Amino acid sequence: MQAIAYYIALLFIYLLVLIPFPFIYGISDFLFVLVYYIVGYRKKVVMENLRRSFPEKSEAELKKIARRFYRYLCDLFIETFKTLVISKASAQRHCSMHPDAKALFDRYQAEKKSVIIVMGHYGNWEWAGSTFSLVCRQQLYVIYHPLSNKYFNQLLFDMRSKFGTKLYAMKDAFKDMVNNRAEISATAFIADQTPAPEGAYWTTFLNQATPVFWGTEKIARKMDYPVVYVSVQRKKRGYYELTAETLFENPKETAVGEISEAHTRRLEADIIRQPGMWLWSHRRWKHKAPVVQ
């Protein structure tokens, strides 16, 4: 049954993404009405996350952000699957890299330095991977959680690897990075996922006590790769731009928690600037901070 459901879904997806760009956003507008007004997908979660993150904003302001988020979410859904059929030229046109970011990664390549990229679920992070692989000389690796459904996991794998990106399963990431140490690479961590509360790094993020995975920091310190924060800014509907800035050149010289704090603060600034571009439907604050005895 899983196979049948997969192929039916795949047929629908291909029929959808073969539609030219100007028309897919009309479909996205229809999805927005369905998801926001009729289904109400995770509306309680989204509104509660927004209220806690922006206590200074009125309910009307929060609802405006929520609507922008749901419009973005519907666009993101279609844009992600559009990767299946998008050309190299179109991919770079719709998601470009700022010249300063390109120069930064070119410098590290010339210095034969691998880097760690840290990002959030902000903007179109899926298109960002394709753009990096198309315009930068480093081999890009993306850390990911394999899906339990093997068919959709393969679809995800195929989309992300279309333009040369390679994937590391999260549980094998450090081992694989060590094995590939001779290669000049960029390894991307999506660092705003929710870890188990025990053993996480705890900080304040968007006005709330928030656990952060130690993995990005620990691996950066062990490998001593420069840590680069990448932001995916939406310039207009269907068009994004990647910017990049080095947070730490020498992670081994940082204090414990310094890397985790820095990339969390940087993502927070992006979200405050364009709050509708972050994944508010994610249950980011489902854990409470452990009580210190």
C-alpha atoms as a PDB file:
ATOM      1  CA  MET A   1       0.000   0.000   0.000  1.00  0.00           C
ATOM      2  CA  GLN A   2       2.872   2.394   0.748  1.00  0.00           C
ATOM      3  CA  ALA A   3       4.201   1.932  -2.781  1.00  0.00           C
ATOM      4  CA  ILE A   4       0.785   2.571  -4.363  1.00  0.00           C
ATOM      5  CA  ALA A   5       0.255   5.712  -2.260  1.00  0.00           C
ATOM      6  CA  TYR A   6       3.727   6.917  -3.175  1.00  0.00           C
ATOM      7  CA  TYR A   7       3.281   6.560  -6.926  1.00  0.00           C
ATOM      8  CA  ILE A   8      -0.138   8.226  -6.827  1.00  0.00           C
ATOM      9  CA  ALA A   9       1.352  11.099  -4.833  1.00  0.00           C
ATOM     10  CA  LEU A  10       4.349  11.265  -7.179  1.00  0.00           C
ATOM     11  CA  LEU A  11       2.078  11.523 -10.227  1.00  0.00           C
ATOM     12  CA  PHE A  12       0.184  14.390  -8.586  1.00  0.00           C
ATOM     13  CA  ILE A  13       3.443  16.130  -7.633  1.00  0.00           C
ATOM     14  CA  TYR A  14       4.840  15.921 -11.164  1.00  0.00           C
ATOM     15  CA  LEU A  15       1.609  17.194 -12.681  1.00  0.00           C
ATOM     16  CA  LEU A  16       1.783  20.094 -10.250  1.00  0.00           C
ATOM     17  CA  VAL A  17       5.431  21.069 -10.700  1.00  0.00           C
ATOM     18  CA  LEU A  18       5.382  20.820 -14.503  1.00  0.00           C
ATOM     19  CA  ILE A  19       3.147  23.894 -14.462  1.00  0.00           C
ATOM     20  CA  PRO A  20       5.189  27.021 -15.392  1.00  0.00           C
ATOM     21  CA  PHE A  21       6.321  29.303 -12.567  1.00  0.00           C
ATOM     22  CA  PRO A  22       3.832  32.158 -13.129  1.00  0.00           C
ATOM     23  CA  PHE A  23       0.927  29.756 -12.676  1.00  0.00           C
ATOM     24  CA  ILE A  24       2.126  27.688  -9.707  1.00  0.00           C
ATOM     25  CA  TYR A  25       1.634  30.667  -7.424  1.00  0.00           C
ATOM     26  CA  GLY A  26      -2.029  30.756  -8.384  1.00  0.00           C
ATOM     27  CA  ILE A  27      -2.202  27.181  -7.102  1.00  0.00           C
ATOM     28  CA  SER A  28      -0.343  28.299  -3.997  1.00  0.00           C
ATOM     29  CA  ASP A  29      -2.966  31.005  -3.416  1.00  0.00           C
ATOM     30  CA  PHE A  30      -5.671  28.320  -3.565  1.00  0.00           C
ATOM     31  CA  LEU A  31      -3.707  26.152  -1.131  1.00  0.00           C
ATOM     32  CA  PHE A  32      -3.417  29.109   1.227  1.00  0.00           C
ATOM     33  CA  VAL A  33      -7.211  29.483   1.395  1.00  0.00           C
ATOM     34  CA  LEU A  34      -7.548  25.743   1.963  1.00  0.00           C
ATOM     35  CA  VAL A  35      -4.787  25.442   4.571  1.00  0.00           C
ATOM     36  CA  TYR A  36      -5.418  28.676   6.480  1.00  0.00           C
ATOM     37  CA  TYR A  37      -9.154  29.287   6.320  1.00  0.00           C
ATOM     38  CA  ILE A  38     -10.655  25.813   5.832  1.00  0.00           C
ATOM     39  CA  VAL A  39      -8.284  23.233   7.340  1.00  0.00           C
ATOM     40  CA  GLY A  40      -6.638  25.580   9.834  1.00  0.00           C
ATOM     41  CA  TYR A  41      -3.416  23.546   9.761  1.00  0.00           C
ATOM     42  CA  ARG A  42      -1.679  23.908  13.139  1.00  0.00           C
ATOM     43  CA  LYS A  43      -3.212  27.341  13.641  1.00  0.00           C
ATOM     44  CA  LYS A  44      -3.180  27.006  17.428  1.00  0.00           C
ATOM     45  CA  VAL A  45       0.510  26.068  17.384  1.00  0.00           C
ATOM     46  CA  VAL A  46       1.401  28.955  15.086  1.00  0.00           C
ATOM     47  CA  MET A  47      -0.520  31.573  17.057  1.00  0.00           C
ATOM     48  CA  GLU A  48       0.811  30.355  20.394  1.00  0.00           C
ATOM     49  CA  ASN A  49       4.388  30.427  19.066  1.00  0.00           C
ATOM     50  CA  LEU A  50       3.866  33.969  17.766  1.00  0.00           C
ATOM     51  CA  ARG A  51       2.277  35.225  20.993  1.00  0.00           C
ATOM     52  CA  ARG A  52       5.168  33.953  23.072  1.00  0.00           C
ATOM     53  CA  SER A  53       7.804  35.196  20.622  1.00  0.00           C
ATOM     54  CA  PHE A  54       6.355  38.703  20.198  1.00  0.00           C
ATOM     55  CA  PRO A  55       4.523  39.579  23.425  1.00  0.00           C
ATOM     56  CA  GLU A  56       4.726  43.272  22.536  1.00  0.00           C
ATOM     57  CA  LYS A  57       2.613  42.838  19.373  1.00  0.00           C
ATOM     58  CA  SER A  58      -1.164  43.108  19.212  1.00  0.00           C
ATOM     59  CA  GLU A  59      -3.375  40.192  18.203  1.00  0.00           C
ATOM     60  CA  ALA A  60      -4.075  41.911  14.883  1.00  0.00           C
ATOM     61  CA  GLU A  61      -0.339  42.211  14.177  1.00  0.00           C
ATOM     62  CA  LEU A  62       0.214  38.547  15.067  1.00  0.00           C
ATOM     63  CA  LYS A  63      -2.589  37.410  12.779  1.00  0.00           C
ATOM     64  CA  LYS A  64      -1.042  39.432   9.959  1.00  0.00           C
ATOM     65  CA  ILE A  65       2.281  37.653  10.495  1.00  0.00           C
ATOM     66  CA  ALA A  66       0.460  34.315  10.625  1.00  0.00           C
ATOM     67  CA  ARG A  67      -1.204  34.938   7.269  1.00  0.00           C
ATOM     68  CA  ARG A  68       2.135  35.883   5.747  1.00  0.00           C
ATOM     69  CA  PHE A  69       3.600  32.683   7.152  1.00  0.00           C
ATOM     70  CA  TYR A  70       0.869  30.480   5.684  1.00  0.00           C
ATOM     71  CA  ARG A  71       1.272  32.129   2.275  1.00  0.00           C
ATOM     72  CA  TYR A  72       5.017  31.509   2.489  1.00  0.00           C
ATOM     73  CA  LEU A  73       4.447  27.921   3.633  1.00  0.00           C
ATOM     74  CA  CYS A  74       2.254  27.155   0.627  1.00  0.00           C
ATOM     75  CA  ASP A  75       4.795  28.738  -1.714  1.00  0.00           C
ATOM     76  CA  LEU A  76       7.577  26.753  -0.046  1.00  0.00           C
ATOM     77  CA  PHE A  77       5.678  23.484  -0.492  1.00  0.00           C
ATOM     78  CA  ILE A  78       5.320  23.982  -4.241  1.00  0.00           C
ATOM     79  CA  GLU A  79       8.782  25.486  -4.702  1.00  0.00           C
ATOM     80  CA  THR A  80      10.401  22.522  -2.964  1.00  0.00           C
ATOM     81  CA  PHE A  81       8.800  19.989  -5.296  1.00  0.00           C
ATOM     82  CA  LYS A  82       9.563  22.264  -8.260  1.00  0.00           C
ATOM     83  CA  THR A  83      13.172  21.192  -7.675  1.00  0.00           C
ATOM     84  CA  LEU A  84      12.304  17.898  -9.388  1.00  0.00           C
ATOM     85  CA  VAL A  85      12.025  19.591 -12.798  1.00  0.00           C
ATOM     86  CA  ILE A  86      13.806  22.938 -12.443  1.00  0.00           C
ATOM     87  CA  SER A  87      16.747  23.650 -14.756  1.00  0.00           C
ATOM     88  CA  LYS A  88      20.158  24.835 -13.558  1.00  0.00           C
ATOM     89  CA  ALA A  89      19.609  28.280 -15.062  1.00  0.00           C
ATOM     90  CA  SER A  90      16.171  28.641 -13.506  1.00  0.00           C
ATOM     91  CA  ALA A  91      17.422  27.424 -10.131  1.00  0.00           C
ATOM     92  CA  GLN A  92      20.119  30.112 -10.077  1.00  0.00           C
ATOM     93  CA  ARG A  93      17.705  32.771 -11.303  1.00  0.00           C
ATOM     94  CA  HIS A  94      15.161  32.058  -8.580  1.00  0.00           C
ATOM     95  CA  CYS A  95      17.722  31.604  -5.796  1.00  0.00           C
ATOM     96  CA  SER A  96      20.921  33.609  -6.299  1.00  0.00           C
ATOM     97  CA  MET A  97      24.006  34.002  -4.144  1.00  0.00           C
ATOM     98  CA  HIS A  98      25.145  37.483  -3.157  1.00  0.00           C
ATOM     99  CA  PRO A  99      28.582  38.309  -4.634  1.00  0.00           C
ATOM    100  CA  ASP A 100      30.049  38.826  -1.152  1.00  0.00           C
ATOM    101  CA  ALA A 101      28.896  35.346  -0.122  1.00  0.00           C
ATOM    102  CA  LYS A 102      30.406  33.842  -3.271  1.00  0.00           C
ATOM    103  CA  ALA A 103      33.681  35.650  -2.569  1.00  0.00           C
ATOM    104  CA  LEU A 104      33.704  34.322   0.998  1.00  0.00           C
ATOM    105  CA  PHE A 105      33.314  30.696  -0.081  1.00  0.00           C
ATOM    106  CA  ASP A 106      35.821  31.178  -2.913  1.00  0.00           C
ATOM    107  CA  ARG A 107      38.364  32.409  -0.366  1.00  0.00           C
ATOM    108  CA  TYR A 108      37.923  29.330   1.796  1.00  0.00           C
ATOM    109  CA  GLN A 109      38.234  27.119  -1.275  1.00  0.00           C
ATOM    110  CA  ALA A 110      41.464  28.883  -2.286  1.00  0.00           C
ATOM    111  CA  GLU A 111      42.779  28.431   1.270  1.00  0.00           C
ATOM    112  CA  LYS A 112      41.785  24.751   1.063  1.00  0.00           C
ATOM    113  CA  LYS A 113      39.595  25.106   4.151  1.00  0.00           C
ATOM    114  CA  SER A 114      36.414  23.127   4.652  1.00  0.00           C
ATOM    115  CA  VAL A 115      33.611  25.004   6.395  1.00  0.00           C
ATOM    116  CA  ILE A 116      30.544  24.348   8.485  1.00  0.00           C
ATOM    117  CA  ILE A 117      27.410  26.159   7.349  1.00  0.00           C
ATOM    118  CA  VAL A 118      24.718  26.842   9.916  1.00  0.00           C
ATOM    119  CA  MET A 119      21.179  27.815   8.900  1.00  0.00           C
ATOM    120  CA  GLY A 120      17.594  27.756  10.117  1.00  0.00           C
ATOM    121  CA  HIS A 121      14.216  26.818   8.656  1.00  0.00           C
ATOM    122  CA  TYR A 122      14.050  30.295   7.192  1.00  0.00           C
ATOM    123  CA  GLY A 123      13.419  31.321   3.592  1.00  0.00           C
ATOM    124  CA  ASN A 124      13.759  28.535   1.051  1.00  0.00           C
ATOM    125  CA  TRP A 125      16.527  26.437   2.583  1.00  0.00           C
ATOM    126  CA  GLU A 126      15.934  23.655   0.033  1.00  0.00           C
ATOM    127  CA  TRP A 127      16.693  25.941  -2.929  1.00  0.00           C
ATOM    128  CA  ALA A 128      19.697  27.299  -1.044  1.00  0.00           C
ATOM    129  CA  GLY A 129      21.373  23.889  -1.209  1.00  0.00           C
ATOM    130  CA  SER A 130      20.859  23.658  -4.965  1.00  0.00           C
ATOM    131  CA  THR A 131      22.246  27.157  -5.496  1.00  0.00           C
ATOM    132  CA  PHE A 132      25.336  26.484  -3.408  1.00  0.00           C
ATOM    133  CA  SER A 133      26.114  23.282  -5.318  1.00  0.00           C
ATOM    134  CA  LEU A 134      25.699  25.078  -8.642  1.00  0.00           C
ATOM    135  CA  VAL A 135      27.856  28.135  -7.932  1.00  0.00           C
ATOM    136  CA  CYS A 136      30.453  27.065  -5.334  1.00  0.00           C
ATOM    137  CA  ARG A 137      33.384  24.708  -5.812  1.00  0.00           C
ATOM    138  CA  GLN A 138      33.177  23.018  -2.410  1.00  0.00           C
ATOM    139  CA  GLN A 139      31.347  19.726  -2.151  1.00  0.00           C
ATOM    140  CA  LEU A 140      28.177  20.480  -0.204  1.00  0.00           C
ATOM    141  CA  TYR A 141      26.960  17.976   2.369  1.00  0.00           C
ATOM    142  CA  VAL A 142      23.604  18.457   4.114  1.00  0.00           C
ATOM    143  CA  ILE A 143      22.782  16.856   7.457  1.00  0.00           C
ATOM    144  CA  TYR A 144      19.313  15.322   7.378  1.00  0.00           C
ATOM    145  CA  HIS A 145      16.926  13.023   9.237  1.00  0.00           C
ATOM    146  CA  PRO A 146      16.007  10.034   7.025  1.00  0.00           C
ATOM    147  CA  LEU A 147      12.229   9.600   6.704  1.00  0.00           C
ATOM    148  CA  SER A 148      10.595   6.404   7.935  1.00  0.00           C
ATOM    149  CA  ASN A 149       8.804   5.952   4.594  1.00  0.00           C
ATOM    150  CA  LYS A 150      11.516   4.623   2.252  1.00  0.00           C
ATOM    151  CA  TYR A 151       9.749   5.856  -0.892  1.00  0.00           C
ATOM    152  CA  PHE A 152       9.379   9.457   0.206  1.00  0.00           C
ATOM    153  CA  ASN A 153      12.834   9.332   1.764  1.00  0.00           C
ATOM    154  CA  GLN A 154      14.229   8.444  -1.660  1.00  0.00           C
ATOM    155  CA  LEU A 155      12.232  11.280  -3.247  1.00  0.00           C
ATOM    156  CA  LEU A 156      13.690  13.729  -0.713  1.00  0.00           C
ATOM    157  CA  PHE A 157      17.162  12.334  -1.355  1.00  0.00           C
ATOM    158  CA  ASP A 158      16.765  12.695  -5.123  1.00  0.00           C
ATOM    159  CA  MET A 159      15.542  16.296  -4.865  1.00  0.00           C
ATOM    160  CA  ARG A 160      18.343  17.397  -2.586  1.00  0.00           C
ATOM    161  CA  SER A 161      21.083  15.651  -4.552  1.00  0.00           C
ATOM    162  CA  LYS A 162      19.885  16.726  -8.019  1.00  0.00           C
ATOM    163  CA  PHE A 163      22.640  19.308  -8.566  1.00  0.00           C
ATOM    164  CA  GLY A 164      25.428  17.467  -6.772  1.00  0.00           C
ATOM    165  CA  THR A 165      24.633  17.976  -3.093  1.00  0.00           C
ATOM    166  CA  LYS A 166      25.407  14.946  -0.938  1.00  0.00           C
ATOM    167  CA  LEU A 167      23.649  13.989   2.291  1.00  0.00           C
ATOM    168  CA  TYR A 168      24.808  12.801   5.696  1.00  0.00           C
ATOM    169  CA  ALA A 169      22.353  11.051   7.989  1.00  0.00           C
ATOM    170  CA  MET A 170      22.462  12.908  11.299  1.00  0.00           C
ATOM    171  CA  LYS A 171      23.551   9.884  13.318  1.00  0.00           C
ATOM    172  CA  ASP A 172      26.553   9.332  11.003  1.00  0.00           C
ATOM    173  CA  ALA A 173      27.483  12.962  10.360  1.00  0.00           C
ATOM    174  CA  PHE A 174      30.640  13.250  12.466  1.00  0.00           C
ATOM    175  CA  LYS A 175      31.992   9.854  11.379  1.00  0.00           C
ATOM    176  CA  ASP A 176      31.388  10.687   7.719  1.00  0.00           C
ATOM    177  CA  MET A 177      32.982  14.116   8.076  1.00  0.00           C
ATOM    178  CA  VAL A 178      36.099  12.559   9.550  1.00  0.00           C
ATOM    179  CA  ASN A 179      36.209   9.976   6.757  1.00  0.00           C
ATOM    180  CA  ASN A 180      35.964  12.750   4.143  1.00  0.00           C
ATOM    181  CA  ARG A 181      38.360  15.129   5.840  1.00  0.00           C
ATOM    182  CA  ALA A 182      40.730  15.193   2.862  1.00  0.00           C
ATOM    183  CA  GLU A 183      37.979  16.716   0.709  1.00  0.00           C
ATOM    184  CA  ILE A 184      37.373  20.485   0.622  1.00  0.00           C
ATOM    185  CA  SER A 185      33.724  20.621   1.661  1.00  0.00           C
ATOM    186  CA  ALA A 186      30.916  22.658   3.162  1.00  0.00           C
ATOM    187  CA  THR A 187      28.654  20.804   5.596  1.00  0.00           C
ATOM    188  CA  ALA A 188      25.273  22.400   6.286  1.00  0.00           C
ATOM    189  CA  PHE A 189      23.480  22.078   9.616  1.00  0.00           C
ATOM    190  CA  ILE A 190      19.869  23.199  10.045  1.00  0.00           C
ATOM    191  CA  ALA A 191      20.331  24.250  13.641  1.00  0.00           C
ATOM    192  CA  ASP A 192      16.838  25.239  14.823  1.00  0.00           C
ATOM    193  CA  GLN A 193      15.410  21.758  15.263  1.00  0.00           C
ATOM    194  CA  THR A 194      14.237  20.592  18.672  1.00  0.00           C
ATOM    195  CA  PRO A 195      16.573  18.312  20.649  1.00  0.00           C
ATOM    196  CA  ALA A 196      15.746  16.352  23.779  1.00  0.00           C
ATOM    197  CA  PRO A 197      15.883  18.767  26.730  1.00  0.00           C
ATOM    198  CA  GLU A 198      18.451  16.731  28.651  1.00  0.00           C
ATOM    199  CA  GLY A 199      21.913  17.415  27.338  1.00  0.00           C
ATOM    200  CA  ALA A 200      20.874  20.328  25.086  1.00  0.00           C
ATOM    201  CA  TYR A 201      22.343  23.806  25.194  1.00  0.00           C
ATOM    202  CA  TRP A 202      19.701  26.078  26.718  1.00  0.00           C
ATOM    203  CA  THR A 203      19.383  29.737  25.805  1.00  0.00           C
ATOM    204  CA  THR A 204      16.746  32.422  25.332  1.00  0.00           C
ATOM    205  CA  PHE A 205      15.439  32.510  21.769  1.00  0.00           C
ATOM    206  CA  LEU A 206      12.528  34.754  20.754  1.00  0.00           C
ATOM    207  CA  ASN A 207      11.767  35.508  24.403  1.00  0.00           C
ATOM    208  CA  GLN A 208      11.571  31.852  25.424  1.00  0.00           C
ATOM    209  CA  ALA A 209      13.839  29.282  27.068  1.00  0.00           C
ATOM    210  CA  THR A 210      14.924  27.131  24.127  1.00  0.00           C
ATOM    211  CA  PRO A 211      17.047  23.977  23.750  1.00  0.00           C
ATOM    212  CA  VAL A 212      19.639  23.936  20.960  1.00  0.00           C
ATOM    213  CA  PHE A 213      21.471  20.913  19.571  1.00  0.00           C
ATOM    214  CA  TRP A 214      25.074  20.761  20.744  1.00  0.00           C
ATOM    215  CA  GLY A 215      26.029  18.878  17.564  1.00  0.00           C
ATOM    216  CA  THR A 216      26.883  21.872  15.378  1.00  0.00           C
ATOM    217  CA  GLU A 217      29.151  23.389  18.007  1.00  0.00           C
ATOM    218  CA  LYS A 218      30.783  20.144  19.106  1.00  0.00           C
ATOM    219  CA  ILE A 219      31.585  19.059  15.552  1.00  0.00           C
ATOM    220  CA  ALA A 220      32.862  22.537  14.637  1.00  0.00           C
ATOM    221  CA  ARG A 221      35.213  22.510  17.621  1.00  0.00           C
ATOM    222  CA  LYS A 222      36.457  18.989  16.896  1.00  0.00           C
ATOM    223  CA  MET A 223      36.993  19.574  13.170  1.00  0.00           C
ATOM    224  CA  ASP A 224      38.078  23.215  13.662  1.00  0.00           C
ATOM    225  CA  TYR A 225      36.290  24.269  10.483  1.00  0.00           C
ATOM    226  CA  PRO A 226      35.248  27.930  10.125  1.00  0.00           C
ATOM    227  CA  VAL A 227      31.573  28.390  11.035  1.00  0.00           C
ATOM    228  CA  VAL A 228      29.606  30.365   8.441  1.00  0.00           C
ATOM    229  CA  TYR A 229      26.038  31.537   8.955  1.00  0.00           C
ATOM    230  CA  VAL A 230      23.969  31.491   5.746  1.00  0.00           C
ATOM    231  CA  SER A 231      20.728  33.440   5.454  1.00  0.00           C
ATOM    232  CA  VAL A 232      18.155  32.947   2.690  1.00  0.00           C
ATOM    233  CA  GLN A 233      16.409  36.273   2.186  1.00  0.00           C
ATOM    234  CA  ARG A 234      13.220  36.481   0.126  1.00  0.00           C
ATOM    235  CA  LYS A 235      13.589  39.372  -2.319  1.00  0.00           C
ATOM    236  CA  LYS A 236      10.134  38.951  -3.840  1.00  0.00           C
ATOM    237  CA  ARG A 237       7.732  36.091  -4.423  1.00  0.00           C
ATOM    238  CA  GLY A 238       9.623  33.177  -5.963  1.00  0.00           C
ATOM    239  CA  TYR A 239      13.035  34.836  -5.689  1.00  0.00           C
ATOM    240  CA  TYR A 240      15.604  34.419  -2.916  1.00  0.00           C
ATOM    241  CA  GLU A 241      19.178  35.498  -2.241  1.00  0.00           C
ATOM    242  CA  LEU A 242      21.827  33.798  -0.123  1.00  0.00           C
ATOM    243  CA  THR A 243      24.057  35.885   2.107  1.00  0.00           C
ATOM    244  CA  ALA A 244      26.861  34.545   4.278  1.00  0.00           C
ATOM    245  CA  GLU A 245      29.036  35.711   7.138  1.00  0.00           C
ATOM    246  CA  THR A 246      31.753  34.004   9.124  1.00  0.00           C
ATOM    247  CA  LEU A 247      30.881  33.622  12.790  1.00  0.00           C
ATOM    248  CA  PHE A 248      34.139  31.943  13.861  1.00  0.00           C
ATOM    249  CA  GLU A 249      37.367  31.360  11.937  1.00  0.00           C
ATOM    250  CA  ASN A 250      38.883  29.097  14.605  1.00  0.00           C
ATOM    251  CA  PRO A 251      36.173  27.215  16.544  1.00  0.00           C
ATOM    252  CA  LYS A 252      38.722  25.464  18.779  1.00  0.00           C
ATOM    253  CA  GLU A 253      39.473  28.819  20.353  1.00  0.00           C
ATOM    254  CA  THR A 254      35.842  29.486  21.349  1.00  0.00           C
ATOM    255  CA  ALA A 255      34.352  29.099  24.803  1.00  0.00           C
ATOM    256  CA  VAL A 256      31.770  26.401  25.483  1.00  0.00           C
ATOM    257  CA  GLY A 257      28.373  27.601  24.246  1.00  0.00           C
ATOM    258  CA  GLU A 258      29.794  30.512  22.254  1.00  0.00           C
ATOM    259  CA  ILE A 259      29.092  28.996  18.824  1.00  0.00           C
ATOM    260  CA  SER A 260      25.581  27.847  19.758  1.00  0.00           C
ATOM    261  CA  GLU A 261      24.778  31.270  21.168  1.00  0.00           C
ATOM    262  CA  ALA A 262      26.110  33.103  18.116  1.00  0.00           C
ATOM    263  CA  HIS A 263      24.198  31.209  15.434  1.00  0.00           C
ATOM    264  CA  THR A 264      21.017  31.316  17.529  1.00  0.00           C
ATOM    265  CA  ARG A 265      21.270  35.101  17.880  1.00  0.00           C
ATOM    266  CA  ARG A 266      21.918  35.487  14.153  1.00  0.00           C
ATOM    267  CA  LEU A 267      18.852  33.440  13.195  1.00  0.00           C
ATOM    268  CA  GLU A 268      16.763  35.346  15.735  1.00  0.00           C
ATOM    269  CA  ALA A 269      17.729  38.627  14.048  1.00  0.00           C
ATOM    270  CA  ASP A 270      16.619  37.276  10.667  1.00  0.00           C
ATOM    271  CA  ILE A 271      13.274  36.146  12.065  1.00  0.00           C
ATOM    272  CA  ILE A 272      12.619  39.505  13.713  1.00  0.00           C
ATOM    273  CA  ARG A 273      13.404  41.232  10.400  1.00  0.00           C
ATOM    274  CA  GLN A 274      11.058  39.004   8.326  1.00  0.00           C
ATOM    275  CA  PRO A 275       8.924  37.018  10.787  1.00  0.00           C
ATOM    276  CA  GLY A 276       6.716  35.464   8.128  1.00  0.00           C
ATOM    277  CA  MET A 277       9.666  33.564   6.624  1.00  0.00           C
ATOM    278  CA  TRP A 278      10.276  31.137   9.509  1.00  0.00           C
ATOM    279  CA  LEU A 279       8.631  27.761  10.137  1.00  0.00           C
ATOM    280  CA  TRP A 280       6.165  28.761  12.869  1.00  0.00           C
ATOM    281  CA  SER A 281       4.190  25.510  12.567  1.00  0.00           C
ATOM    282  CA  HIS A 282       7.178  23.645  14.029  1.00  0.00           C
ATOM    283  CA  ARG A 283       6.697  22.685  17.703  1.00  0.00           C
ATOM    284  CA  ARG A 284       9.930  24.406  18.664  1.00  0.00           C
ATOM    285  CA  TRP A 285       9.053  24.919  22.316  1.00  0.00           C
ATOM    286  CA  LYS A 286       7.474  21.593  23.256  1.00  0.00           C
ATOM    287  CA  HIS A 287      10.099  20.996  25.970  1.00  0.00           C
ATOM    288  CA  LYS A 288      10.574  22.853  29.225  1.00  0.00           C
ATOM    289  CA  ALA A 289      13.969  23.704  30.631  1.00  0.00           C
ATOM    290  CA  PRO A 290      15.166  21.125  33.187  1.00  0.00           C
ATOM    291  CA  VAL A 291      14.865  22.262  36.787  1.00  0.00           C
ATOM    292  CA  VAL A 292      18.314  22.768  38.344  1.00  0.00           C
ATOM    293  CA  GLN A 293      18.403  21.142  41.774  1.00  0.00           C
END
